[in-house]
Each structure stands twice: as C-alpha cells, then as structure tokens.
PDB file of all heavy atoms in Angstrom:
ATOM      1  N   THR A   1      -2.990   6.521   8.933  1.00  0.00           N
ATOM      2  CA  THR A   1      -4.249   5.850   8.628  1.00  0.00           C
ATOM      3  C   THR A   1      -4.793   6.287   7.270  1.00  0.00           C
ATOM      4  O   THR A   1      -5.222   5.458   6.462  1.00  0.00           O
ATOM      5  CB  THR A   1      -5.298   6.129   9.724  1.00  0.00           C
ATOM      6  OG1 THR A   1      -4.767   5.718  10.987  1.00  0.00           O
ATOM      7  CG2 THR A   1      -6.590   5.381   9.454  1.00  0.00           C
ATOM      8  N   LEU A   2      -4.765   7.591   7.022  1.00  0.00           N
ATOM      9  CA  LEU A   2      -5.240   8.102   5.736  1.00  0.00           C
ATOM     10  C   LEU A   2      -4.369   7.594   4.582  1.00  0.00           C
ATOM     11  O   LEU A   2      -4.876   7.225   3.524  1.00  0.00           O
ATOM     12  CB  LEU A   2      -5.279   9.622   5.744  1.00  0.00           C
ATOM     13  CG  LEU A   2      -6.315  10.247   6.689  1.00  0.00           C
ATOM     14  CD1 LEU A   2      -6.130  11.757   6.749  1.00  0.00           C
ATOM     15  CD2 LEU A   2      -7.712   9.880   6.268  1.00  0.00           C
ATOM     16  N   GLY A   3      -3.061   7.580   4.799  1.00  0.00           N
ATOM     17  CA  GLY A   3      -2.146   7.058   3.777  1.00  0.00           C
ATOM     18  C   GLY A   3      -2.382   5.581   3.512  1.00  0.00           C
ATOM     19  O   GLY A   3      -2.356   5.122   2.370  1.00  0.00           O
ATOM     20  N   GLY A   4      -2.620   4.826   4.582  1.00  0.00           N
ATOM     21  CA  GLY A   4      -2.928   3.410   4.425  1.00  0.00           C
ATOM     22  C   GLY A   4      -4.214   3.208   3.651  1.00  0.00           C
ATOM     23  O   GLY A   4      -4.311   2.322   2.812  1.00  0.00           O
ATOM     24  N   GLY A   5      -5.205   4.045   3.913  1.00  0.00           N
ATOM     25  CA  GLY A   5      -6.463   3.958   3.183  1.00  0.00           C
ATOM     26  C   GLY A   5      -6.277   4.218   1.703  1.00  0.00           C
ATOM     27  O   GLY A   5      -6.884   3.554   0.858  1.00  0.00           O
ATOM     28  N   ALA A   6      -5.428   5.176   1.387  1.00  0.00           N
ATOM     29  CA  ALA A   6      -5.164   5.492  -0.021  1.00  0.00           C
ATOM     30  C   ALA A   6      -4.403   4.357  -0.714  1.00  0.00           C
ATOM     31  O   ALA A   6      -4.635   4.072  -1.885  1.00  0.00           O
ATOM     32  CB  ALA A   6      -4.377   6.793  -0.129  1.00  0.00           C
ATOM     33  N   LEU A   7      -3.503   3.720   0.033  1.00  0.00           N
ATOM     34  CA  LEU A   7      -2.670   2.673  -0.564  1.00  0.00           C
ATOM     35  C   LEU A   7      -3.341   1.296  -0.558  1.00  0.00           C
ATOM     36  O   LEU A   7      -3.345   0.594  -1.566  1.00  0.00           O
ATOM     37  CB  LEU A   7      -1.329   2.592   0.176  1.00  0.00           C
ATOM     38  CG  LEU A   7      -0.299   1.620  -0.359  1.00  0.00           C
ATOM     39  CD1 LEU A   7       0.086   1.984  -1.786  1.00  0.00           C
ATOM     40  CD2 LEU A   7       0.927   1.631   0.533  1.00  0.00           C
ATOM     41  N   PHE A   8      -3.931   0.930   0.574  1.00  0.00           N
ATOM     42  CA  PHE A   8      -4.456  -0.426   0.740  1.00  0.00           C
ATOM     43  C   PHE A   8      -5.968  -0.534   0.539  1.00  0.00           C
ATOM     44  O   PHE A   8      -6.482  -1.627   0.391  1.00  0.00           O
ATOM     45  CB  PHE A   8      -4.129  -0.966   2.133  1.00  0.00           C
ATOM     46  CG  PHE A   8      -2.680  -0.927   2.481  1.00  0.00           C
ATOM     47  CD1 PHE A   8      -2.255  -0.327   3.662  1.00  0.00           C
ATOM     48  CD2 PHE A   8      -1.721  -1.476   1.653  1.00  0.00           C
ATOM     49  CE1 PHE A   8      -0.920  -0.303   4.002  1.00  0.00           C
ATOM     50  CE2 PHE A   8      -0.378  -1.444   1.987  1.00  0.00           C
ATOM     51  CZ  PHE A   8       0.023  -0.855   3.168  1.00  0.00           C
ATOM     52  N   GLY A   9      -6.667   0.578   0.618  1.00  0.00           N
ATOM     53  CA  GLY A   9      -8.122   0.538   0.554  1.00  0.00           C
ATOM     54  C   GLY A   9      -8.726   0.536   1.947  1.00  0.00           C
ATOM     55  O   GLY A   9      -8.041   0.321   2.956  1.00  0.00           O
ATOM     56  N   PHE A  10     -10.011   0.791   2.009  1.00  0.00           N
ATOM     57  CA  PHE A  10     -10.699   0.975   3.287  1.00  0.00           C
ATOM     58  C   PHE A  10     -10.648  -0.255   4.184  1.00  0.00           C
ATOM     59  O   PHE A  10     -10.258  -0.175   5.340  1.00  0.00           O
ATOM     60  CB  PHE A  10     -12.165   1.381   3.033  1.00  0.00           C
ATOM     61  CG  PHE A  10     -12.967   1.498   4.298  1.00  0.00           C
ATOM     62  CD1 PHE A  10     -12.836   2.606   5.114  1.00  0.00           C
ATOM     63  CD2 PHE A  10     -13.840   0.486   4.669  1.00  0.00           C
ATOM     64  CE1 PHE A  10     -13.568   2.714   6.277  1.00  0.00           C
ATOM     65  CE2 PHE A  10     -14.577   0.587   5.835  1.00  0.00           C
ATOM     66  CZ  PHE A  10     -14.447   1.706   6.641  1.00  0.00           C
ATOM     67  N   THR A  11     -11.041  -1.407   3.662  1.00  0.00           N
ATOM     68  CA  THR A  11     -11.183  -2.603   4.500  1.00  0.00           C
ATOM     69  C   THR A  11      -9.851  -3.078   5.061  1.00  0.00           C
ATOM     70  O   THR A  11      -9.742  -3.353   6.260  1.00  0.00           O
ATOM     71  CB  THR A  11     -11.849  -3.742   3.703  1.00  0.00           C
ATOM     72  OG1 THR A  11     -13.084  -3.260   3.167  1.00  0.00           O
ATOM     73  CG2 THR A  11     -12.116  -4.938   4.580  1.00  0.00           C
ATOM     74  N   VAL A  12      -8.838  -3.159   4.235  1.00  0.00           N
ATOM     75  CA  VAL A  12      -7.523  -3.612   4.691  1.00  0.00           C
ATOM     76  C   VAL A  12      -6.968  -2.642   5.728  1.00  0.00           C
ATOM     77  O   VAL A  12      -6.451  -3.053   6.778  1.00  0.00           O
ATOM     78  CB  VAL A  12      -6.545  -3.765   3.505  1.00  0.00           C
ATOM     79  CG1 VAL A  12      -5.135  -4.054   3.989  1.00  0.00           C
ATOM     80  CG2 VAL A  12      -7.016  -4.858   2.572  1.00  0.00           C
ATOM     81  N   THR A  13      -7.103  -1.341   5.473  1.00  0.00           N
ATOM     82  CA  THR A  13      -6.596  -0.345   6.414  1.00  0.00           C
ATOM     83  C   THR A  13      -7.387  -0.368   7.714  1.00  0.00           C
ATOM     84  O   THR A  13      -6.810  -0.219   8.792  1.00  0.00           O
ATOM     85  CB  THR A  13      -6.624   1.061   5.797  1.00  0.00           C
ATOM     86  OG1 THR A  13      -5.850   1.040   4.595  1.00  0.00           O
ATOM     87  CG2 THR A  13      -6.046   2.092   6.736  1.00  0.00           C
ATOM     88  N   LEU A  14      -8.682  -0.542   7.638  1.00  0.00           N
ATOM     89  CA  LEU A  14      -9.499  -0.620   8.849  1.00  0.00           C
ATOM     90  C   LEU A  14      -9.007  -1.741   9.754  1.00  0.00           C
ATOM     91  O   LEU A  14      -8.801  -1.543  10.951  1.00  0.00           O
ATOM     92  CB  LEU A  14     -10.968  -0.845   8.487  1.00  0.00           C
ATOM     93  CG  LEU A  14     -11.926  -1.061   9.652  1.00  0.00           C
ATOM     94  CD1 LEU A  14     -12.067   0.232  10.456  1.00  0.00           C
ATOM     95  CD2 LEU A  14     -13.265  -1.536   9.153  1.00  0.00           C
ATOM     96  N   ILE A  15      -8.783  -2.894   9.185  1.00  0.00           N
ATOM     97  CA  ILE A  15      -8.326  -4.045   9.968  1.00  0.00           C
ATOM     98  C   ILE A  15      -6.897  -3.841  10.460  1.00  0.00           C
ATOM     99  O   ILE A  15      -6.602  -4.027  11.647  1.00  0.00           O
ATOM    100  CB  ILE A  15      -8.446  -5.342   9.138  1.00  0.00           C
ATOM    101  CG1 ILE A  15      -9.927  -5.635   8.861  1.00  0.00           C
ATOM    102  CG2 ILE A  15      -7.781  -6.517   9.842  1.00  0.00           C
ATOM    103  CD1 ILE A  15     -10.158  -6.690   7.806  1.00  0.00           C
ATOM    104  N   ALA A  16      -5.998  -3.440   9.564  1.00  0.00           N
ATOM    105  CA  ALA A  16      -4.584  -3.267   9.935  1.00  0.00           C
ATOM    106  C   ALA A  16      -4.406  -2.156  10.970  1.00  0.00           C
ATOM    107  O   ALA A  16      -3.677  -2.331  11.955  1.00  0.00           O
ATOM    108  CB  ALA A  16      -3.749  -2.972   8.692  1.00  0.00           C
ATOM    109  N   ALA A  17      -5.058  -1.017  10.766  1.00  0.00           N
ATOM    110  CA  ALA A  17      -4.915   0.106  11.700  1.00  0.00           C
ATOM    111  C   ALA A  17      -5.553  -0.211  13.050  1.00  0.00           C
ATOM    112  O   ALA A  17      -5.021   0.170  14.102  1.00  0.00           O
ATOM    113  CB  ALA A  17      -5.518   1.377  11.104  1.00  0.00           C
ATOM    114  N   SER A  18      -6.668  -0.920  13.041  1.00  0.00           N
ATOM    115  CA  SER A  18      -7.324  -1.276  14.304  1.00  0.00           C
ATOM    116  C   SER A  18      -6.449  -2.202  15.137  1.00  0.00           C
ATOM    117  O   SER A  18      -6.244  -1.966  16.333  1.00  0.00           O
ATOM    118  CB  SER A  18      -8.677  -1.931  14.032  1.00  0.00           C
ATOM    119  OG  SER A  18      -9.560  -1.034  13.432  1.00  0.00           O
ATOM    120  N   PHE A  19      -5.943  -3.247  14.512  1.00  0.00           N
ATOM    121  CA  PHE A  19      -5.069  -4.160  15.250  1.00  0.00           C
ATOM    122  C   PHE A  19      -3.774  -3.466  15.678  1.00  0.00           C
ATOM    123  O   PHE A  19      -3.320  -3.626  16.812  1.00  0.00           O
ATOM    124  CB  PHE A  19      -4.750  -5.407  14.410  1.00  0.00           C
ATOM    125  CG  PHE A  19      -5.821  -6.447  14.465  1.00  0.00           C
ATOM    126  CD1 PHE A  19      -6.683  -6.620  13.398  1.00  0.00           C
ATOM    127  CD2 PHE A  19      -5.978  -7.243  15.584  1.00  0.00           C
ATOM    128  CE1 PHE A  19      -7.688  -7.577  13.435  1.00  0.00           C
ATOM    129  CE2 PHE A  19      -6.980  -8.205  15.644  1.00  0.00           C
ATOM    130  CZ  PHE A  19      -7.838  -8.367  14.565  1.00  0.00           C
ATOM    131  N   SER A  20      -3.188  -2.684  14.778  1.00  0.00           N
ATOM    132  CA  SER A  20      -1.917  -2.019  15.081  1.00  0.00           C
ATOM    133  C   SER A  20      -2.063  -1.005  16.200  1.00  0.00           C
ATOM    134  O   SER A  20      -1.213  -0.936  17.091  1.00  0.00           O
ATOM    135  CB  SER A  20      -1.378  -1.328  13.832  1.00  0.00           C
ATOM    136  OG  SER A  20      -1.154  -2.271  12.814  1.00  0.00           O
ATOM    137  N   SER A  21      -3.109  -0.210  16.177  1.00  0.00           N
ATOM    138  CA  SER A  21      -3.289   0.795  17.230  1.00  0.00           C
ATOM    139  C   SER A  21      -3.568   0.132  18.573  1.00  0.00           C
ATOM    140  O   SER A  21      -3.085   0.599  19.610  1.00  0.00           O
ATOM    141  CB  SER A  21      -4.406   1.772  16.868  1.00  0.00           C
ATOM    142  OG  SER A  21      -5.650   1.121  16.782  1.00  0.00           O
ATOM    143  N   THR A  22      -4.294  -0.960  18.562  1.00  0.00           N
ATOM    144  CA  THR A  22      -4.563  -1.677  19.805  1.00  0.00           C
ATOM    145  C   THR A  22      -3.286  -2.285  20.378  1.00  0.00           C
ATOM    146  O   THR A  22      -3.011  -2.178  21.571  1.00  0.00           O
ATOM    147  CB  THR A  22      -5.617  -2.776  19.577  1.00  0.00           C
ATOM    148  OG1 THR A  22      -6.816  -2.171  19.087  1.00  0.00           O
ATOM    149  CG2 THR A  22      -5.913  -3.531  20.852  1.00  0.00           C
ATOM    150  N   ILE A  23      -2.493  -2.902  19.519  1.00  0.00           N
ATOM    151  CA  ILE A  23      -1.226  -3.492  19.969  1.00  0.00           C
ATOM    152  C   ILE A  23      -0.289  -2.398  20.468  1.00  0.00           C
ATOM    153  O   ILE A  23       0.330  -2.532  21.529  1.00  0.00           O
ATOM    154  CB  ILE A  23      -0.568  -4.305  18.831  1.00  0.00           C
ATOM    155  CG1 ILE A  23      -1.418  -5.535  18.514  1.00  0.00           C
ATOM    156  CG2 ILE A  23       0.860  -4.715  19.196  1.00  0.00           C
ATOM    157  CD1 ILE A  23      -1.022  -6.244  17.222  1.00  0.00           C
ATOM    158  N   GLY A  24      -0.177  -1.289  19.733  1.00  0.00           N
ATOM    159  CA  GLY A  24       0.688  -0.189  20.147  1.00  0.00           C
ATOM    160  C   GLY A  24       0.251   0.426  21.461  1.00  0.00           C
ATOM    161  O   GLY A  24       1.083   0.731  22.329  1.00  0.00           O
ATOM    162  N   ALA A  25      -1.048   0.622  21.641  1.00  0.00           N
ATOM    163  CA  ALA A  25      -1.560   1.182  22.895  1.00  0.00           C
ATOM    164  C   ALA A  25      -1.314   0.234  24.066  1.00  0.00           C
ATOM    165  O   ALA A  25      -0.971   0.667  25.173  1.00  0.00           O
ATOM    166  CB  ALA A  25      -3.041   1.483  22.761  1.00  0.00           C
ATOM    167  N   THR A  26      -1.452  -1.060  23.814  1.00  0.00           N
ATOM    168  CA  THR A  26      -1.195  -2.049  24.861  1.00  0.00           C
ATOM    169  C   THR A  26       0.275  -2.044  25.259  1.00  0.00           C
ATOM    170  O   THR A  26       0.606  -2.105  26.449  1.00  0.00           O
ATOM    171  CB  THR A  26      -1.612  -3.454  24.381  1.00  0.00           C
ATOM    172  OG1 THR A  26      -2.998  -3.418  24.025  1.00  0.00           O
ATOM    173  CG2 THR A  26      -1.382  -4.495  25.454  1.00  0.00           C
ATOM    174  N   ILE A  27       1.150  -1.934  24.282  1.00  0.00           N
ATOM    175  CA  ILE A  27       2.586  -1.862  24.576  1.00  0.00           C
ATOM    176  C   ILE A  27       2.905  -0.602  25.375  1.00  0.00           C
ATOM    177  O   ILE A  27       3.618  -0.656  26.378  1.00  0.00           O
ATOM    178  CB  ILE A  27       3.419  -1.920  23.275  1.00  0.00           C
ATOM    179  CG1 ILE A  27       3.320  -3.300  22.639  1.00  0.00           C
ATOM    180  CG2 ILE A  27       4.879  -1.554  23.546  1.00  0.00           C
ATOM    181  CD1 ILE A  27       3.897  -3.370  21.227  1.00  0.00           C
ATOM    182  N   ALA A  28       2.372   0.540  24.948  1.00  0.00           N
ATOM    183  CA  ALA A  28       2.629   1.806  25.651  1.00  0.00           C
ATOM    184  C   ALA A  28       2.138   1.750  27.091  1.00  0.00           C
ATOM    185  O   ALA A  28       2.841   2.169  28.023  1.00  0.00           O
ATOM    186  CB  ALA A  28       1.964   2.958  24.907  1.00  0.00           C
ATOM    187  N   CYS A  29       0.938   1.223  27.275  1.00  0.00           N
ATOM    188  CA  CYS A  29       0.373   1.124  28.616  1.00  0.00           C
ATOM    189  C   CYS A  29       1.190   0.161  29.484  1.00  0.00           C
ATOM    190  O   CYS A  29       1.495   0.469  30.641  1.00  0.00           O
ATOM    191  CB  CYS A  29      -1.083   0.671  28.531  1.00  0.00           C
ATOM    192  SG  CYS A  29      -1.922   0.628  30.119  1.00  0.00           S
ATOM    193  N   SER A  30       1.557  -0.977  28.931  1.00  0.00           N
ATOM    194  CA  SER A  30       2.329  -1.965  29.694  1.00  0.00           C
ATOM    195  C   SER A  30       3.706  -1.443  30.077  1.00  0.00           C
ATOM    196  O   SER A  30       4.149  -1.632  31.214  1.00  0.00           O
ATOM    197  CB  SER A  30       2.480  -3.253  28.882  1.00  0.00           C
ATOM    198  OG  SER A  30       1.229  -3.825  28.642  1.00  0.00           O
ATOM    199  N   VAL A  31       4.376  -0.790  29.142  1.00  0.00           N
ATOM    200  CA  VAL A  31       5.703  -0.237  29.432  1.00  0.00           C
ATOM    201  C   VAL A  31       5.614   0.827  30.518  1.00  0.00           C
ATOM    202  O   VAL A  31       6.398   0.838  31.475  1.00  0.00           O
ATOM    203  CB  VAL A  31       6.362   0.327  28.154  1.00  0.00           C
ATOM    204  CG1 VAL A  31       7.580   1.169  28.485  1.00  0.00           C
ATOM    205  CG2 VAL A  31       6.749  -0.812  27.223  1.00  0.00           C
ATOM    206  N   SER A  32       4.652   1.726  30.401  1.00  0.00           N
ATOM    207  CA  SER A  32       4.549   2.790  31.395  1.00  0.00           C
ATOM    208  C   SER A  32       4.092   2.256  32.749  1.00  0.00           C
ATOM    209  O   SER A  32       4.495   2.757  33.783  1.00  0.00           O
ATOM    210  CB  SER A  32       3.610   3.896  30.918  1.00  0.00           C
ATOM    211  OG  SER A  32       2.293   3.429  30.828  1.00  0.00           O
ATOM    212  N   ARG A  33       3.275   1.230  32.744  1.00  0.00           N
ATOM    213  CA  ARG A  33       2.761   0.698  34.008  1.00  0.00           C
ATOM    214  C   ARG A  33       3.790  -0.155  34.736  1.00  0.00           C
ATOM    215  O   ARG A  33       3.923  -0.071  35.955  1.00  0.00           O
ATOM    216  CB  ARG A  33       1.507  -0.117  33.743  1.00  0.00           C
ATOM    217  CG  ARG A  33       0.913  -0.687  34.999  1.00  0.00           C
ATOM    218  CD  ARG A  33      -0.374  -1.423  34.712  1.00  0.00           C
ATOM    219  NE  ARG A  33      -0.878  -1.982  35.938  1.00  0.00           N
ATOM    220  CZ  ARG A  33      -2.038  -1.671  36.469  1.00  0.00           C
ATOM    221  NH1 ARG A  33      -2.800  -0.811  35.883  1.00  0.00           N
ATOM    222  NH2 ARG A  33      -2.419  -2.224  37.587  1.00  0.00           N
ATOM    223  N   TYR A  34       4.508  -0.993  34.009  1.00  0.00           N
ATOM    224  CA  TYR A  34       5.399  -1.940  34.669  1.00  0.00           C
ATOM    225  C   TYR A  34       6.877  -1.547  34.640  1.00  0.00           C
ATOM    226  O   TYR A  34       7.612  -1.907  35.539  1.00  0.00           O
ATOM    227  CB  TYR A  34       5.225  -3.333  34.054  1.00  0.00           C
ATOM    228  CG  TYR A  34       3.823  -3.849  34.225  1.00  0.00           C
ATOM    229  CD1 TYR A  34       2.985  -4.007  33.137  1.00  0.00           C
ATOM    230  CD2 TYR A  34       3.330  -4.149  35.488  1.00  0.00           C
ATOM    231  CE1 TYR A  34       1.692  -4.476  33.292  1.00  0.00           C
ATOM    232  CE2 TYR A  34       2.033  -4.612  35.657  1.00  0.00           C
ATOM    233  CZ  TYR A  34       1.220  -4.767  34.556  1.00  0.00           C
ATOM    234  OH  TYR A  34      -0.066  -5.220  34.711  1.00  0.00           O
ATOM    235  N   ILE A  35       7.304  -0.827  33.625  1.00  0.00           N
ATOM    236  CA  ILE A  35       8.724  -0.502  33.510  1.00  0.00           C
ATOM    237  C   ILE A  35       9.012   0.933  33.933  1.00  0.00           C
ATOM    238  O   ILE A  35       9.952   1.192  34.681  1.00  0.00           O
ATOM    239  CB  ILE A  35       9.222  -0.760  32.064  1.00  0.00           C
ATOM    240  CG1 ILE A  35       9.081  -2.250  31.734  1.00  0.00           C
ATOM    241  CG2 ILE A  35      10.664  -0.304  31.903  1.00  0.00           C
ATOM    242  CD1 ILE A  35       9.379  -2.607  30.300  1.00  0.00           C
TER     243      ILE A  35
END
C-alpha cells in the first residue's frame, strides 16, 4: 500500500488498494468456507 502510494499517488492507491483488499479478502473467505 505504501509503495503504491509512492508510485501512483494517494487517490489512485486508495481506490486500487480498497478494491483489491476487498476482493482478496472475499476470495480468502470463500475458499476457506466452501473449499
């Protein structure tokens, strides 16, 4: 996240990291719950 902020700037990283962490957490939860 910090590296993304340095490279992309605050706003782009905020949006990208928020969506990415949500998608990743959803995948982790779904895999552990169903598989």
